[in-house]
Amino acid sequence: MKIINVLIASVLAIAGDWTVKRDAVESNKSNGRIAYRFHARDLNLVMGPAAPGSVKFRVSIDGRPPGAAHGLDVDEQGIGTISEPRMYQLIRQAGSIKDRRFEIEFLDPGVQVFSFTFG
């Protein structure tokens, strides 16, 4: 078990109790967070539960719920559930693209996070 609190080039921040694996990071406790600065219309995250079951999460964009910019896998308040390993569409913005700050908080332990993708 390794506790991580990392900031890389003001782009990526990971906070909470995480285990770093070869191909993923895995949350060991609830309230693990990942923050990411991005410049794209869509923000997706490849992730899944570490064991059978589901993991609840909440996302925000620039510190607020995504509202109309929510992706297919979250509601306007930014709430979603991870039930299987796959790509989850978390943010889908309309209009002009600009630098934004994304954050996801895992309300339950036991999520594996693999990769961000963008559209």
Protein backbone atom coordinates (compact mmCIF):
# COMPACT_ATOMS: atom_id res chain seq x y z
CA MET A 1 0.00 0.00 0.00
CA LYS A 2 1.30 3.41 -0.93
CA ILE A 3 -0.18 6.80 -0.08
CA ILE A 4 0.19 9.18 -3.00
CA ASN A 5 -0.17 12.91 -3.22
CA VAL A 6 1.44 13.92 -6.52
CA LEU A 7 1.36 17.00 -8.72
CA ILE A 8 2.97 16.67 -12.15
CA ALA A 9 3.67 19.85 -14.15
CA SER A 10 0.45 21.47 -12.84
CA VAL A 11 -1.48 19.06 -15.06
CA LEU A 12 -2.23 15.96 -12.98
CA ALA A 13 -2.85 15.60 -9.24
CA ILE A 14 -3.64 12.38 -7.37
CA ALA A 15 -4.69 12.49 -3.72
CA GLY A 16 -5.64 9.73 -1.31
CA ASP A 17 -4.57 6.18 -0.56
CA TRP A 18 -3.63 4.52 -3.86
CA THR A 19 -1.60 1.52 -5.00
CA VAL A 20 0.42 2.07 -8.16
CA LYS A 21 0.38 -0.96 -10.45
CA ARG A 22 2.07 -1.56 -13.78
CA ASP A 23 -0.97 -0.59 -15.84
CA ALA A 24 -3.24 1.23 -13.37
CA VAL A 25 -3.64 2.97 -10.04
CA GLU A 26 -6.05 1.42 -7.55
CA SER A 27 -7.83 3.25 -4.73
CA ASN A 28 -7.54 1.59 -1.35
CA LYS A 29 -9.98 3.86 0.51
CA SER A 30 -12.95 6.04 -0.33
CA ASN A 31 -12.51 9.70 -1.29
CA GLY A 32 -9.51 9.13 -3.56
CA ARG A 33 -9.25 11.98 -6.07
CA ILE A 34 -7.70 12.66 -9.43
CA ALA A 35 -7.53 16.17 -10.90
CA TYR A 36 -6.47 16.87 -14.48
CA ARG A 37 -6.09 20.01 -16.60
CA PHE A 38 -7.31 19.40 -20.13
CA HIS A 39 -8.14 21.14 -23.39
CA ALA A 40 -10.68 19.06 -25.33
CA ARG A 41 -14.41 18.73 -25.95
CA ASP A 42 -14.72 15.26 -24.39
CA LEU A 43 -12.94 13.77 -21.39
CA ASN A 44 -13.14 10.02 -20.92
CA LEU A 45 -11.56 7.75 -18.33
CA VAL A 46 -10.84 4.04 -18.72
CA MET A 47 -11.56 2.46 -15.34
CA GLY A 48 -13.31 -0.39 -13.60
CA PRO A 49 -14.00 -1.89 -10.19
CA ALA A 50 -11.04 -3.78 -8.71
CA ALA A 51 -13.40 -6.56 -7.54
CA PRO A 52 -16.95 -7.55 -8.53
CA GLY A 53 -19.41 -4.83 -7.56
CA SER A 54 -19.72 -1.12 -8.25
CA VAL A 55 -17.99 2.11 -7.27
CA LYS A 56 -19.76 5.47 -7.02
CA PHE A 57 -18.00 8.66 -8.08
CA ARG A 58 -18.55 12.39 -8.52
CA VAL A 59 -16.96 14.63 -11.17
CA SER A 60 -16.59 18.38 -11.42
CA ILE A 61 -15.33 20.81 -14.01
CA ASP A 62 -13.67 24.00 -12.82
CA GLY A 63 -14.86 23.17 -9.28
CA ARG A 64 -18.56 22.84 -10.14
CA PRO A 65 -20.88 20.01 -11.22
CA PRO A 66 -20.74 19.59 -15.01
CA GLY A 67 -24.39 20.52 -15.67
CA ALA A 68 -25.03 20.46 -19.43
CA ALA A 69 -21.38 19.43 -20.02
CA HIS A 70 -21.91 16.03 -18.39
CA GLY A 71 -20.96 12.95 -20.36
CA LEU A 72 -23.11 9.89 -21.02
CA ASP A 73 -21.96 8.14 -17.84
CA VAL A 74 -22.74 10.90 -15.31
CA ASP A 75 -25.74 13.07 -14.49
CA GLU A 76 -25.84 16.89 -14.42
CA GLN A 77 -24.66 16.83 -10.79
CA GLY A 78 -21.62 14.77 -11.84
CA ILE A 79 -22.68 11.53 -10.13
CA GLY A 80 -21.95 8.18 -11.76
CA THR A 81 -21.32 4.50 -11.05
CA ILE A 82 -18.54 2.23 -12.27
CA SER A 83 -19.88 -1.28 -12.76
CA GLU A 84 -17.49 -2.84 -15.27
CA PRO A 85 -14.07 -2.17 -16.82
CA ARG A 86 -14.55 0.15 -19.82
CA MET A 87 -14.20 3.71 -21.05
CA TYR A 88 -16.55 6.11 -19.24
CA GLN A 89 -17.54 9.39 -20.93
CA LEU A 90 -17.43 11.92 -18.09
CA ILE A 91 -17.40 15.33 -19.83
CA ARG A 92 -18.88 16.33 -23.21
CA GLN A 93 -18.79 20.07 -23.78
CA ALA A 94 -20.58 22.14 -26.39
CA GLY A 95 -19.28 25.36 -27.84
CA SER A 96 -15.73 26.64 -27.77
CA ILE A 97 -12.97 24.57 -26.25
CA LYS A 98 -10.79 26.08 -23.54
CA ASP A 99 -8.50 24.93 -20.74
CA ARG A 100 -10.54 23.35 -17.96
CA ARG A 101 -9.84 21.66 -14.62
CA PHE A 102 -11.47 18.24 -14.20
CA GLU A 103 -11.72 16.41 -10.90
CA ILE A 104 -13.11 13.00 -10.02
CA GLU A 105 -13.70 11.79 -6.48
CA PHE A 106 -14.31 8.10 -5.87
CA LEU A 107 -16.92 7.82 -3.12
CA ASP A 108 -16.16 4.11 -2.59
CA PRO A 109 -12.82 2.28 -2.45
CA GLY A 110 -11.68 -0.27 -5.00
CA VAL A 111 -11.51 1.43 -8.39
CA GLN A 112 -8.78 0.78 -10.94
CA VAL A 113 -7.97 3.76 -13.17
CA PHE A 114 -6.09 3.04 -16.38
CA SER A 115 -6.06 5.97 -18.82
CA PHE A 116 -7.59 9.30 -19.82
CA THR A 117 -8.81 9.68 -23.42
CA PHE A 118 -10.07 12.81 -25.16
CA GLY A 119 -12.30 13.73 -28.06
